[in-house]
N, C-alpha and C. Protein backbone atom coordinates (compact mmCIF):
# COMPACT_ATOMS: atom_id res chain seq x y z
N MET A 1 -33.37 25.47 60.46
CA MET A 1 -32.79 25.39 59.10
C MET A 1 -33.85 24.92 58.12
N MET A 2 -34.01 25.68 57.05
CA MET A 2 -35.00 25.35 56.03
C MET A 2 -34.33 24.71 54.83
N ILE A 3 -34.87 23.59 54.38
CA ILE A 3 -34.38 22.93 53.18
C ILE A 3 -35.50 22.87 52.17
N ASP A 4 -35.16 22.63 50.93
CA ASP A 4 -36.16 22.50 49.89
C ASP A 4 -36.88 21.16 50.08
N PRO A 5 -38.19 21.18 50.33
CA PRO A 5 -38.91 19.91 50.56
C PRO A 5 -39.21 19.15 49.27
N ALA A 6 -39.01 19.79 48.11
CA ALA A 6 -39.39 19.16 46.84
C ALA A 6 -38.71 17.81 46.62
N PRO A 7 -37.40 17.66 46.88
CA PRO A 7 -36.79 16.33 46.68
C PRO A 7 -37.41 15.25 47.55
N LEU A 8 -37.77 15.58 48.79
CA LEU A 8 -38.40 14.60 49.67
C LEU A 8 -39.80 14.24 49.17
N VAL A 9 -40.56 15.25 48.77
CA VAL A 9 -41.91 15.00 48.25
C VAL A 9 -41.83 14.12 47.01
N LEU A 10 -40.89 14.45 46.11
CA LEU A 10 -40.74 13.67 44.88
C LEU A 10 -40.32 12.24 45.20
N THR A 11 -39.44 12.07 46.17
CA THR A 11 -38.97 10.74 46.55
C THR A 11 -40.11 9.85 47.02
N PHE A 12 -40.96 10.38 47.88
CA PHE A 12 -42.05 9.57 48.42
C PHE A 12 -43.17 9.38 47.40
N LYS A 13 -43.36 10.34 46.53
CA LYS A 13 -44.31 10.16 45.42
C LYS A 13 -43.83 9.04 44.51
N LEU A 14 -42.55 9.05 44.17
CA LEU A 14 -41.97 8.01 43.33
C LEU A 14 -42.07 6.65 44.01
N SER A 15 -41.77 6.59 45.29
CA SER A 15 -41.82 5.32 46.02
C SER A 15 -43.23 4.77 46.09
N LEU A 16 -44.21 5.65 46.29
CA LEU A 16 -45.61 5.21 46.37
C LEU A 16 -46.09 4.68 45.02
N VAL A 17 -45.83 5.44 43.96
CA VAL A 17 -46.26 5.00 42.63
C VAL A 17 -45.59 3.69 42.25
N THR A 18 -44.29 3.60 42.50
CA THR A 18 -43.54 2.38 42.17
C THR A 18 -44.07 1.18 42.93
N THR A 19 -44.36 1.36 44.22
CA THR A 19 -44.84 0.25 45.05
C THR A 19 -46.21 -0.24 44.58
N VAL A 20 -47.09 0.68 44.22
CA VAL A 20 -48.42 0.30 43.73
C VAL A 20 -48.29 -0.51 42.44
N ILE A 21 -47.46 -0.03 41.52
CA ILE A 21 -47.26 -0.75 40.26
C ILE A 21 -46.66 -2.13 40.52
N LEU A 22 -45.67 -2.19 41.41
CA LEU A 22 -45.02 -3.46 41.71
C LEU A 22 -45.98 -4.45 42.36
N PHE A 23 -46.91 -3.95 43.17
CA PHE A 23 -47.85 -4.87 43.82
C PHE A 23 -48.74 -5.54 42.78
N PHE A 24 -49.26 -4.76 41.85
CA PHE A 24 -50.21 -5.31 40.88
C PHE A 24 -49.53 -6.05 39.72
N THR A 25 -48.23 -5.90 39.59
CA THR A 25 -47.50 -6.67 38.57
C THR A 25 -46.62 -7.75 39.19
N GLY A 26 -46.05 -7.45 40.35
CA GLY A 26 -45.12 -8.39 40.97
C GLY A 26 -45.80 -9.61 41.57
N VAL A 27 -46.99 -9.42 42.16
CA VAL A 27 -47.69 -10.57 42.76
C VAL A 27 -48.10 -11.59 41.69
N PRO A 28 -48.72 -11.17 40.58
CA PRO A 28 -49.00 -12.16 39.52
C PRO A 28 -47.74 -12.82 38.97
N LEU A 29 -46.66 -12.03 38.84
CA LEU A 29 -45.41 -12.62 38.35
C LEU A 29 -44.87 -13.63 39.34
N ALA A 30 -44.94 -13.32 40.63
CA ALA A 30 -44.48 -14.26 41.65
C ALA A 30 -45.31 -15.53 41.64
N TYR A 31 -46.61 -15.39 41.44
CA TYR A 31 -47.49 -16.56 41.37
C TYR A 31 -47.11 -17.44 40.18
N TRP A 32 -46.86 -16.81 39.04
CA TRP A 32 -46.48 -17.57 37.85
C TRP A 32 -45.15 -18.28 38.05
N LEU A 33 -44.18 -17.58 38.64
CA LEU A 33 -42.87 -18.19 38.88
C LEU A 33 -42.95 -19.34 39.88
N ALA A 34 -43.86 -19.24 40.82
CA ALA A 34 -43.98 -20.29 41.85
C ALA A 34 -44.66 -21.54 41.33
N PHE A 35 -45.63 -21.39 40.43
CA PHE A 35 -46.44 -22.54 40.04
C PHE A 35 -46.31 -22.95 38.58
N SER A 36 -45.68 -22.14 37.77
CA SER A 36 -45.57 -22.48 36.35
C SER A 36 -44.57 -23.62 36.15
N VAL A 37 -44.83 -24.42 35.15
CA VAL A 37 -43.92 -25.51 34.79
C VAL A 37 -43.28 -25.25 33.42
N ARG A 38 -43.42 -24.04 32.92
CA ARG A 38 -42.83 -23.71 31.62
C ARG A 38 -41.31 -23.80 31.70
N SER A 39 -40.70 -24.32 30.65
CA SER A 39 -39.25 -24.53 30.65
C SER A 39 -38.48 -23.21 30.67
N TRP A 40 -39.05 -22.16 30.05
CA TRP A 40 -38.32 -20.90 29.99
C TRP A 40 -38.46 -20.07 31.26
N LYS A 41 -39.09 -20.65 32.29
CA LYS A 41 -39.13 -19.98 33.58
C LYS A 41 -37.73 -19.81 34.15
N CYS A 42 -36.84 -20.72 33.80
CA CYS A 42 -35.47 -20.65 34.31
C CYS A 42 -34.71 -19.44 33.76
N ILE A 43 -35.24 -18.81 32.72
CA ILE A 43 -34.64 -17.59 32.18
C ILE A 43 -35.24 -16.37 32.86
N VAL A 44 -36.53 -16.42 33.14
CA VAL A 44 -37.22 -15.28 33.74
C VAL A 44 -36.76 -15.07 35.18
N GLU A 45 -36.57 -16.14 35.93
CA GLU A 45 -36.21 -16.02 37.34
C GLU A 45 -34.91 -15.25 37.55
N PRO A 46 -33.82 -15.59 36.86
CA PRO A 46 -32.60 -14.79 37.06
C PRO A 46 -32.74 -13.36 36.56
N LEU A 47 -33.54 -13.14 35.52
CA LEU A 47 -33.75 -11.77 35.05
C LEU A 47 -34.44 -10.93 36.11
N VAL A 48 -35.40 -11.51 36.82
CA VAL A 48 -36.10 -10.79 37.89
C VAL A 48 -35.13 -10.41 39.01
N SER A 49 -34.21 -11.31 39.32
CA SER A 49 -33.28 -11.07 40.44
C SER A 49 -32.02 -10.32 40.04
N MET A 50 -31.83 -10.04 38.76
CA MET A 50 -30.62 -9.36 38.31
C MET A 50 -30.34 -8.05 39.04
N PRO A 51 -31.36 -7.21 39.32
CA PRO A 51 -31.05 -5.95 40.01
C PRO A 51 -30.41 -6.11 41.37
N LEU A 52 -30.51 -7.30 41.97
CA LEU A 52 -29.88 -7.53 43.27
C LEU A 52 -28.36 -7.48 43.19
N ILE A 53 -27.80 -7.85 42.03
CA ILE A 53 -26.34 -7.88 41.89
C ILE A 53 -25.83 -6.97 40.79
N LEU A 54 -26.73 -6.48 39.95
CA LEU A 54 -26.32 -5.64 38.83
C LEU A 54 -26.12 -4.20 39.31
N PRO A 55 -25.01 -3.55 38.92
CA PRO A 55 -24.83 -2.13 39.28
C PRO A 55 -25.99 -1.30 38.75
N PRO A 56 -26.52 -0.39 39.55
CA PRO A 56 -27.65 0.43 39.10
C PRO A 56 -27.36 1.20 37.82
N THR A 57 -26.11 1.61 37.64
CA THR A 57 -25.77 2.38 36.44
C THR A 57 -25.92 1.54 35.17
N VAL A 58 -25.71 0.23 35.28
CA VAL A 58 -25.87 -0.64 34.12
C VAL A 58 -27.33 -0.66 33.69
N LEU A 59 -28.22 -0.85 34.67
CA LEU A 59 -29.65 -0.85 34.36
C LEU A 59 -30.07 0.51 33.80
N GLY A 60 -29.59 1.58 34.42
CA GLY A 60 -29.93 2.90 33.93
C GLY A 60 -29.43 3.14 32.52
N PHE A 61 -28.25 2.63 32.22
CA PHE A 61 -27.69 2.79 30.87
C PHE A 61 -28.56 2.12 29.82
N TYR A 62 -29.01 0.90 30.10
CA TYR A 62 -29.83 0.19 29.13
C TYR A 62 -31.21 0.83 28.98
N ILE A 63 -31.74 1.38 30.07
CA ILE A 63 -33.02 2.10 29.96
C ILE A 63 -32.84 3.33 29.07
N LEU A 64 -31.72 4.02 29.23
CA LEU A 64 -31.43 5.16 28.36
C LEU A 64 -31.35 4.75 26.90
N LEU A 65 -30.69 3.62 26.65
CA LEU A 65 -30.58 3.15 25.26
C LEU A 65 -31.93 2.81 24.66
N VAL A 66 -32.76 2.13 25.44
CA VAL A 66 -34.05 1.67 24.93
C VAL A 66 -35.01 2.83 24.69
N PHE A 67 -35.02 3.79 25.62
CA PHE A 67 -36.03 4.86 25.54
C PHE A 67 -35.47 6.19 25.05
N SER A 68 -34.24 6.21 24.61
CA SER A 68 -33.68 7.43 24.04
C SER A 68 -34.46 7.83 22.79
N PRO A 69 -34.66 9.13 22.54
CA PRO A 69 -35.35 9.57 21.32
C PRO A 69 -34.69 9.07 20.05
N ARG A 70 -33.41 8.70 20.14
CA ARG A 70 -32.71 8.19 18.96
C ARG A 70 -32.97 6.72 18.71
N SER A 71 -33.53 6.02 19.70
CA SER A 71 -33.84 4.60 19.52
C SER A 71 -35.19 4.46 18.83
N SER A 72 -35.45 3.26 18.33
CA SER A 72 -36.72 3.02 17.63
C SER A 72 -37.91 3.21 18.55
N LEU A 73 -37.84 2.57 19.74
CA LEU A 73 -38.96 2.66 20.67
C LEU A 73 -39.11 4.07 21.22
N GLY A 74 -38.01 4.66 21.67
CA GLY A 74 -38.07 6.00 22.22
C GLY A 74 -38.53 7.02 21.20
N GLY A 75 -38.04 6.90 19.96
CA GLY A 75 -38.45 7.80 18.90
C GLY A 75 -39.93 7.66 18.58
N PHE A 76 -40.43 6.42 18.56
CA PHE A 76 -41.85 6.19 18.29
C PHE A 76 -42.72 6.80 19.39
N LEU A 77 -42.34 6.56 20.65
CA LEU A 77 -43.12 7.09 21.77
C LEU A 77 -43.17 8.61 21.75
N GLU A 78 -42.03 9.23 21.46
CA GLU A 78 -41.99 10.69 21.51
C GLU A 78 -42.63 11.33 20.28
N THR A 79 -42.47 10.71 19.11
CA THR A 79 -42.97 11.31 17.88
C THR A 79 -44.47 11.11 17.70
N PHE A 80 -44.93 9.88 17.94
CA PHE A 80 -46.33 9.56 17.64
C PHE A 80 -47.24 9.63 18.86
N LEU A 81 -46.71 9.31 20.04
CA LEU A 81 -47.55 9.31 21.24
C LEU A 81 -47.24 10.49 22.17
N HIS A 82 -46.20 11.25 21.82
CA HIS A 82 -45.79 12.41 22.62
C HIS A 82 -45.49 12.03 24.07
N ILE A 83 -44.86 10.87 24.21
CA ILE A 83 -44.47 10.38 25.53
C ILE A 83 -42.94 10.40 25.62
N LYS A 84 -42.43 11.19 26.53
CA LYS A 84 -41.00 11.26 26.75
C LYS A 84 -40.66 10.51 28.03
N VAL A 85 -39.66 9.65 27.96
CA VAL A 85 -39.31 8.81 29.10
C VAL A 85 -38.07 9.32 29.81
N VAL A 86 -36.99 9.52 29.08
CA VAL A 86 -35.73 9.92 29.73
C VAL A 86 -35.86 11.34 30.25
N PHE A 87 -35.28 11.55 31.43
CA PHE A 87 -35.28 12.85 32.11
C PHE A 87 -36.70 13.34 32.43
N THR A 88 -37.57 12.39 32.77
CA THR A 88 -38.92 12.71 33.21
C THR A 88 -39.27 11.84 34.41
N PHE A 89 -40.38 12.18 35.07
CA PHE A 89 -40.84 11.37 36.19
C PHE A 89 -41.22 9.97 35.73
N LEU A 90 -41.77 9.85 34.53
CA LEU A 90 -42.10 8.54 33.98
C LEU A 90 -40.86 7.67 33.88
N GLY A 91 -39.76 8.24 33.46
CA GLY A 91 -38.51 7.49 33.39
C GLY A 91 -38.06 7.01 34.76
N LEU A 92 -38.25 7.86 35.78
CA LEU A 92 -37.91 7.44 37.15
C LEU A 92 -38.75 6.26 37.58
N VAL A 93 -40.03 6.28 37.22
CA VAL A 93 -40.93 5.19 37.60
C VAL A 93 -40.51 3.89 36.93
N ILE A 94 -40.22 3.95 35.64
CA ILE A 94 -39.81 2.74 34.90
C ILE A 94 -38.53 2.17 35.50
N GLY A 95 -37.56 3.03 35.73
CA GLY A 95 -36.30 2.56 36.31
C GLY A 95 -36.49 2.00 37.70
N SER A 96 -37.33 2.65 38.51
CA SER A 96 -37.55 2.19 39.88
C SER A 96 -38.29 0.86 39.92
N VAL A 97 -39.27 0.70 39.04
CA VAL A 97 -40.02 -0.56 38.99
C VAL A 97 -39.09 -1.72 38.65
N LEU A 98 -38.25 -1.53 37.66
CA LEU A 98 -37.32 -2.59 37.26
C LEU A 98 -36.29 -2.86 38.35
N PHE A 99 -35.80 -1.81 39.00
CA PHE A 99 -34.73 -1.98 39.98
C PHE A 99 -35.25 -2.56 41.30
N SER A 100 -36.50 -2.28 41.64
CA SER A 100 -37.06 -2.80 42.90
C SER A 100 -37.88 -4.06 42.71
N LEU A 101 -37.98 -4.55 41.49
CA LEU A 101 -38.81 -5.72 41.20
C LEU A 101 -38.51 -6.92 42.08
N PRO A 102 -37.25 -7.32 42.27
CA PRO A 102 -37.01 -8.52 43.08
C PRO A 102 -37.42 -8.37 44.54
N PHE A 103 -37.46 -7.15 45.05
CA PHE A 103 -37.84 -6.95 46.44
C PHE A 103 -39.33 -7.19 46.66
N MET A 104 -40.11 -7.11 45.61
CA MET A 104 -41.52 -7.46 45.69
C MET A 104 -41.74 -8.93 45.31
N VAL A 105 -41.10 -9.37 44.25
CA VAL A 105 -41.39 -10.69 43.71
C VAL A 105 -40.83 -11.81 44.57
N ASN A 106 -39.59 -11.70 45.01
CA ASN A 106 -38.93 -12.83 45.66
C ASN A 106 -39.59 -13.27 46.97
N PRO A 107 -39.92 -12.37 47.91
CA PRO A 107 -40.58 -12.84 49.14
C PRO A 107 -41.96 -13.42 48.88
N VAL A 108 -42.70 -12.86 47.93
CA VAL A 108 -44.03 -13.38 47.63
C VAL A 108 -43.92 -14.73 46.93
N LYS A 109 -42.95 -14.87 46.04
CA LYS A 109 -42.73 -16.16 45.37
C LYS A 109 -42.38 -17.24 46.39
N ALA A 110 -41.52 -16.90 47.34
CA ALA A 110 -41.15 -17.87 48.38
C ALA A 110 -42.36 -18.29 49.21
N ALA A 111 -43.26 -17.34 49.48
CA ALA A 111 -44.46 -17.67 50.24
C ALA A 111 -45.39 -18.57 49.43
N PHE A 112 -45.52 -18.30 48.15
CA PHE A 112 -46.33 -19.17 47.29
C PHE A 112 -45.76 -20.59 47.27
N GLN A 113 -44.45 -20.70 47.14
CA GLN A 113 -43.81 -22.01 47.04
C GLN A 113 -43.91 -22.81 48.32
N SER A 114 -43.92 -22.12 49.46
CA SER A 114 -43.97 -22.83 50.74
C SER A 114 -45.41 -23.04 51.24
N PHE A 115 -46.39 -22.52 50.50
CA PHE A 115 -47.77 -22.68 50.93
C PHE A 115 -48.17 -24.16 50.82
N PRO A 116 -48.82 -24.70 51.85
CA PRO A 116 -49.16 -26.13 51.85
C PRO A 116 -50.02 -26.52 50.64
N LYS A 117 -49.52 -27.45 49.86
CA LYS A 117 -50.28 -27.89 48.68
C LYS A 117 -51.56 -28.63 49.07
N SER A 118 -51.58 -29.17 50.29
CA SER A 118 -52.78 -29.88 50.74
C SER A 118 -53.97 -28.93 50.85
N LEU A 119 -53.71 -27.69 51.25
CA LEU A 119 -54.79 -26.72 51.36
C LEU A 119 -55.31 -26.32 49.98
N ILE A 120 -54.39 -26.22 49.02
CA ILE A 120 -54.81 -25.90 47.65
C ILE A 120 -55.65 -27.02 47.07
N GLU A 121 -55.20 -28.26 47.28
CA GLU A 121 -55.94 -29.42 46.77
C GLU A 121 -57.30 -29.54 47.45
N ALA A 122 -57.35 -29.21 48.74
CA ALA A 122 -58.63 -29.25 49.45
C ALA A 122 -59.60 -28.22 48.89
N SER A 123 -59.07 -27.06 48.53
CA SER A 123 -59.92 -26.02 47.94
C SER A 123 -60.47 -26.48 46.60
N TYR A 124 -59.60 -27.11 45.79
CA TYR A 124 -60.07 -27.62 44.50
C TYR A 124 -61.12 -28.71 44.71
N ALA A 125 -60.92 -29.54 45.73
CA ALA A 125 -61.85 -30.64 46.00
C ALA A 125 -63.23 -30.12 46.42
N LEU A 126 -63.26 -28.92 47.00
CA LEU A 126 -64.52 -28.31 47.41
C LEU A 126 -65.18 -27.54 46.27
N GLY A 127 -64.59 -27.64 45.09
CA GLY A 127 -65.20 -27.02 43.93
C GLY A 127 -64.75 -25.60 43.65
N LYS A 128 -63.73 -25.12 44.35
CA LYS A 128 -63.25 -23.76 44.13
C LYS A 128 -62.36 -23.73 42.88
N SER A 129 -62.48 -22.67 42.11
CA SER A 129 -61.64 -22.50 40.93
C SER A 129 -60.25 -22.03 41.34
N ARG A 130 -59.34 -22.00 40.38
CA ARG A 130 -57.98 -21.53 40.66
C ARG A 130 -58.01 -20.08 41.15
N ARG A 131 -58.87 -19.27 40.54
CA ARG A 131 -58.96 -17.86 40.93
C ARG A 131 -59.51 -17.72 42.34
N GLU A 132 -60.56 -18.45 42.65
CA GLU A 132 -61.13 -18.40 44.00
C GLU A 132 -60.14 -18.90 45.03
N THR A 133 -59.40 -19.96 44.68
CA THR A 133 -58.39 -20.49 45.60
C THR A 133 -57.30 -19.46 45.87
N LEU A 134 -56.91 -18.75 44.82
CA LEU A 134 -55.86 -17.73 44.98
C LEU A 134 -56.33 -16.61 45.91
N PHE A 135 -57.52 -16.07 45.63
CA PHE A 135 -57.96 -14.87 46.36
C PHE A 135 -58.58 -15.17 47.72
N ARG A 136 -59.11 -16.38 47.91
CA ARG A 136 -59.81 -16.67 49.16
C ARG A 136 -59.04 -17.62 50.07
N VAL A 137 -58.03 -18.29 49.52
CA VAL A 137 -57.27 -19.24 50.34
C VAL A 137 -55.80 -18.83 50.46
N ILE A 138 -55.15 -18.65 49.31
CA ILE A 138 -53.69 -18.42 49.34
C ILE A 138 -53.34 -17.02 49.81
N LEU A 139 -53.82 -16.00 49.13
CA LEU A 139 -53.42 -14.62 49.43
C LEU A 139 -53.70 -14.21 50.88
N PRO A 140 -54.88 -14.56 51.45
CA PRO A 140 -55.09 -14.17 52.86
C PRO A 140 -54.09 -14.81 53.81
N ASN A 141 -53.53 -15.95 53.42
CA ASN A 141 -52.61 -16.66 54.31
C ASN A 141 -51.14 -16.29 54.09
N ILE A 142 -50.86 -15.49 53.09
CA ILE A 142 -49.47 -15.05 52.87
C ILE A 142 -49.37 -13.54 53.02
N ARG A 143 -50.27 -12.97 53.82
CA ARG A 143 -50.25 -11.51 54.02
C ARG A 143 -48.91 -11.00 54.55
N PRO A 144 -48.23 -11.71 55.46
CA PRO A 144 -46.92 -11.20 55.90
C PRO A 144 -45.92 -11.06 54.76
N ALA A 145 -45.93 -12.00 53.82
CA ALA A 145 -45.01 -11.91 52.68
C ALA A 145 -45.41 -10.76 51.77
N LEU A 146 -46.70 -10.57 51.57
CA LEU A 146 -47.18 -9.45 50.76
C LEU A 146 -46.76 -8.12 51.39
N LEU A 147 -46.94 -8.02 52.69
CA LEU A 147 -46.56 -6.80 53.39
C LEU A 147 -45.05 -6.58 53.33
N SER A 148 -44.31 -7.67 53.50
CA SER A 148 -42.85 -7.56 53.40
C SER A 148 -42.42 -7.06 52.04
N GLY A 149 -43.04 -7.59 50.99
CA GLY A 149 -42.70 -7.14 49.64
C GLY A 149 -43.03 -5.68 49.43
N VAL A 150 -44.19 -5.24 49.92
CA VAL A 150 -44.59 -3.85 49.78
C VAL A 150 -43.62 -2.92 50.51
N VAL A 151 -43.31 -3.28 51.75
CA VAL A 151 -42.44 -2.43 52.56
C VAL A 151 -41.03 -2.36 51.97
N MET A 152 -40.49 -3.51 51.57
CA MET A 152 -39.13 -3.53 51.04
C MET A 152 -39.04 -2.81 49.70
N ALA A 153 -40.06 -2.95 48.86
CA ALA A 153 -40.07 -2.24 47.58
C ALA A 153 -40.12 -0.74 47.80
N PHE A 154 -40.96 -0.31 48.75
CA PHE A 154 -41.06 1.12 49.05
C PHE A 154 -39.74 1.65 49.60
N ALA A 155 -39.18 0.94 50.58
CA ALA A 155 -37.95 1.40 51.22
C ALA A 155 -36.78 1.41 50.23
N HIS A 156 -36.73 0.40 49.38
CA HIS A 156 -35.65 0.34 48.40
C HIS A 156 -35.74 1.49 47.41
N THR A 157 -36.94 1.84 47.02
CA THR A 157 -37.12 2.94 46.07
C THR A 157 -36.74 4.27 46.71
N VAL A 158 -37.03 4.42 47.99
CA VAL A 158 -36.65 5.66 48.70
C VAL A 158 -35.15 5.90 48.61
N GLY A 159 -34.37 4.83 48.69
CA GLY A 159 -32.92 4.98 48.72
C GLY A 159 -32.22 4.90 47.38
N GLU A 160 -32.96 4.84 46.30
CA GLU A 160 -32.32 4.70 44.98
C GLU A 160 -31.51 5.94 44.63
N PHE A 161 -30.39 5.70 43.93
CA PHE A 161 -29.56 6.81 43.47
C PHE A 161 -29.09 6.62 42.03
N GLY A 162 -28.39 5.51 41.78
CA GLY A 162 -27.77 5.32 40.47
C GLY A 162 -28.75 5.30 39.33
N VAL A 163 -29.83 4.54 39.47
CA VAL A 163 -30.80 4.42 38.39
C VAL A 163 -31.50 5.74 38.13
N VAL A 164 -31.97 6.39 39.20
CA VAL A 164 -32.71 7.63 39.01
C VAL A 164 -31.82 8.73 38.45
N LEU A 165 -30.55 8.72 38.82
CA LEU A 165 -29.64 9.73 38.27
C LEU A 165 -29.38 9.50 36.80
N MET A 166 -29.20 8.24 36.42
CA MET A 166 -28.92 7.91 35.02
C MET A 166 -30.13 8.20 34.14
N VAL A 167 -31.31 7.81 34.59
CA VAL A 167 -32.51 7.92 33.76
C VAL A 167 -33.14 9.30 33.84
N GLY A 168 -33.14 9.90 35.03
CA GLY A 168 -33.84 11.16 35.22
C GLY A 168 -32.97 12.38 35.23
N GLY A 169 -31.69 12.21 35.46
CA GLY A 169 -30.83 13.38 35.55
C GLY A 169 -31.03 14.09 36.88
N ASN A 170 -30.92 15.40 36.87
CA ASN A 170 -30.94 16.19 38.10
C ASN A 170 -31.75 17.47 37.87
N ILE A 171 -33.03 17.30 37.56
CA ILE A 171 -33.89 18.42 37.23
C ILE A 171 -34.72 18.77 38.46
N PRO A 172 -34.57 20.00 38.99
CA PRO A 172 -35.33 20.37 40.20
C PRO A 172 -36.83 20.22 40.00
N GLU A 173 -37.49 19.62 41.02
CA GLU A 173 -38.93 19.42 41.09
C GLU A 173 -39.47 18.50 39.99
N VAL A 174 -38.57 17.88 39.22
CA VAL A 174 -38.98 16.95 38.17
C VAL A 174 -38.35 15.58 38.40
N THR A 175 -37.03 15.55 38.55
CA THR A 175 -36.34 14.27 38.74
C THR A 175 -35.32 14.30 39.88
N ARG A 176 -35.20 15.41 40.57
CA ARG A 176 -34.22 15.49 41.67
C ARG A 176 -34.83 14.91 42.94
N THR A 177 -34.47 13.66 43.22
CA THR A 177 -34.94 12.99 44.43
C THR A 177 -34.05 13.36 45.60
N ALA A 178 -34.40 12.87 46.79
CA ALA A 178 -33.64 13.20 47.99
C ALA A 178 -32.20 12.71 47.91
N SER A 179 -32.00 11.51 47.37
CA SER A 179 -30.64 10.97 47.27
C SER A 179 -29.77 11.82 46.35
N ILE A 180 -30.36 12.35 45.28
CA ILE A 180 -29.61 13.22 44.37
C ILE A 180 -29.36 14.57 45.03
N ALA A 181 -30.33 15.06 45.81
CA ALA A 181 -30.14 16.32 46.52
C ALA A 181 -29.00 16.21 47.52
N ILE A 182 -28.90 15.06 48.18
CA ILE A 182 -27.78 14.84 49.10
C ILE A 182 -26.45 14.89 48.35
N PHE A 183 -26.39 14.22 47.22
CA PHE A 183 -25.18 14.22 46.40
C PHE A 183 -24.81 15.64 45.98
N ASN A 184 -25.79 16.43 45.56
CA ASN A 184 -25.53 17.81 45.16
C ASN A 184 -24.98 18.64 46.31
N ASP A 185 -25.60 18.50 47.48
CA ASP A 185 -25.17 19.29 48.63
C ASP A 185 -23.76 18.91 49.09
N VAL A 186 -23.45 17.62 49.02
CA VAL A 186 -22.11 17.19 49.41
C VAL A 186 -21.07 17.74 48.42
N GLU A 187 -21.40 17.70 47.13
CA GLU A 187 -20.48 18.26 46.14
C GLU A 187 -20.26 19.76 46.34
N ALA A 188 -21.31 20.45 46.80
CA ALA A 188 -21.22 21.89 47.04
C ALA A 188 -20.70 22.21 48.44
N LEU A 189 -20.29 21.17 49.18
CA LEU A 189 -19.80 21.31 50.56
C LEU A 189 -20.88 21.87 51.49
N ASN A 190 -22.12 21.67 51.11
CA ASN A 190 -23.24 22.12 51.94
C ASN A 190 -23.67 20.96 52.83
N TYR A 191 -22.84 20.65 53.82
CA TYR A 191 -23.05 19.47 54.64
C TYR A 191 -24.27 19.60 55.55
N ALA A 192 -24.65 20.81 55.90
CA ALA A 192 -25.81 20.99 56.79
C ALA A 192 -27.08 20.49 56.13
N ASP A 193 -27.35 20.94 54.90
CA ASP A 193 -28.56 20.48 54.20
C ASP A 193 -28.48 19.00 53.87
N ALA A 194 -27.29 18.54 53.48
CA ALA A 194 -27.12 17.11 53.20
C ALA A 194 -27.41 16.28 54.45
N GLY A 195 -27.01 16.80 55.60
CA GLY A 195 -27.27 16.10 56.85
C GLY A 195 -28.76 16.02 57.18
N VAL A 196 -29.48 17.07 56.87
CA VAL A 196 -30.93 17.06 57.13
C VAL A 196 -31.63 16.04 56.25
N TYR A 197 -31.32 16.09 54.94
CA TYR A 197 -31.90 15.10 54.02
C TYR A 197 -31.56 13.68 54.46
N SER A 198 -30.30 13.48 54.82
CA SER A 198 -29.84 12.14 55.22
C SER A 198 -30.55 11.67 56.48
N MET A 199 -30.73 12.58 57.43
CA MET A 199 -31.38 12.19 58.69
C MET A 199 -32.84 11.83 58.45
N VAL A 200 -33.52 12.58 57.58
CA VAL A 200 -34.91 12.26 57.27
C VAL A 200 -35.02 10.87 56.66
N LEU A 201 -34.16 10.57 55.70
CA LEU A 201 -34.20 9.25 55.06
C LEU A 201 -33.80 8.15 56.05
N PHE A 202 -32.83 8.44 56.92
CA PHE A 202 -32.39 7.46 57.91
C PHE A 202 -33.53 7.11 58.86
N VAL A 203 -34.21 8.13 59.37
CA VAL A 203 -35.30 7.90 60.32
C VAL A 203 -36.44 7.12 59.68
N ILE A 204 -36.79 7.50 58.46
CA ILE A 204 -37.89 6.82 57.77
C ILE A 204 -37.53 5.36 57.48
N ALA A 205 -36.30 5.13 57.02
CA ALA A 205 -35.87 3.76 56.74
C ALA A 205 -35.87 2.92 58.02
N PHE A 206 -35.41 3.51 59.12
CA PHE A 206 -35.40 2.78 60.40
C PHE A 206 -36.83 2.45 60.84
N MET A 207 -37.74 3.40 60.71
CA MET A 207 -39.13 3.16 61.11
C MET A 207 -39.77 2.07 60.27
N ILE A 208 -39.49 2.09 58.97
CA ILE A 208 -40.06 1.07 58.09
C ILE A 208 -39.57 -0.32 58.48
N LEU A 209 -38.26 -0.45 58.69
CA LEU A 209 -37.69 -1.76 59.04
C LEU A 209 -38.10 -2.19 60.44
N PHE A 210 -38.24 -1.24 61.36
CA PHE A 210 -38.68 -1.58 62.72
C PHE A 210 -40.09 -2.14 62.70
N VAL A 211 -40.99 -1.45 61.99
CA VAL A 211 -42.38 -1.92 61.90
C VAL A 211 -42.45 -3.29 61.23
N LEU A 212 -41.67 -3.47 60.16
CA LEU A 212 -41.67 -4.75 59.46
C LEU A 212 -41.18 -5.87 60.38
N ASP A 213 -40.14 -5.59 61.16
CA ASP A 213 -39.61 -6.59 62.08
C ASP A 213 -40.64 -6.96 63.14
N ARG A 214 -41.35 -5.96 63.66
CA ARG A 214 -42.36 -6.24 64.67
C ARG A 214 -43.51 -7.07 64.10
N ILE A 215 -43.91 -6.77 62.88
CA ILE A 215 -44.99 -7.53 62.24
C ILE A 215 -44.57 -8.97 62.01
N ASN A 216 -43.32 -9.16 61.54
CA ASN A 216 -42.83 -10.52 61.31
C ASN A 216 -42.76 -11.32 62.60
N LYS A 217 -42.31 -10.69 63.70
CA LYS A 217 -42.20 -11.40 64.97
C LYS A 217 -43.59 -11.74 65.51
N ARG A 218 -44.54 -10.84 65.32
CA ARG A 218 -45.91 -11.10 65.77
C ARG A 218 -46.52 -12.26 64.97
N THR A 219 -46.19 -12.31 63.68
CA THR A 219 -46.71 -13.39 62.84
C THR A 219 -46.13 -14.74 63.26
N VAL A 220 -44.83 -14.75 63.61
CA VAL A 220 -44.18 -16.00 64.02
C VAL A 220 -44.78 -16.49 65.33
N ARG A 221 -45.05 -15.56 66.26
CA ARG A 221 -45.65 -15.96 67.54
C ARG A 221 -47.06 -16.50 67.34
N ALA A 222 -47.78 -15.90 66.38
CA ALA A 222 -49.14 -16.36 66.12
C ALA A 222 -49.16 -17.77 65.56
N VAL A 223 -48.13 -18.08 64.74
CA VAL A 223 -48.03 -19.41 64.17
C VAL A 223 -47.64 -20.42 65.23
């Protein structure tokens, strides 16, 4: 049985791009949340975790409002910079980054918070700067948390439906991801193709979680 591979290719392209962006933005954000003493941190923390409990359609709705051509920001981007967000791959990336943000930030933040402060102070005592301490002392020792964040962000993006449908619509080879293709096939009573898409996503999700579990258990034994 032959199925259209485009939704699967688009899904993994979206997951890869989203994960890369989340790594380079989520790790600094997690570091700031773990060590900052700013009073307004108490507002940022719940905002980061909101996607964990917020319906995806709510997030997608607000992204549509913000980046719609009728809004100030969306109109400016489309008119002056010729950047269209809604119903494009860029819109999928923005929605996915926001929706998967806590899956990258929270485990890394927890690792930063539980890192022994004595090691950080020892690094400072040896003349290392904050940057050197971060890159040469802290990050190498929280690699399991970094890996966990990367894997969970990637896996979560693979399974997204509500946000990508709201922001990207259902445009073949542009915004139709595997989850949307499954929805289309089920609506059309094409259960065979829906089953193939579902099995591919099921196997990949299982492999990702299996590998992550093995890595975590190996790390615990090493400790």
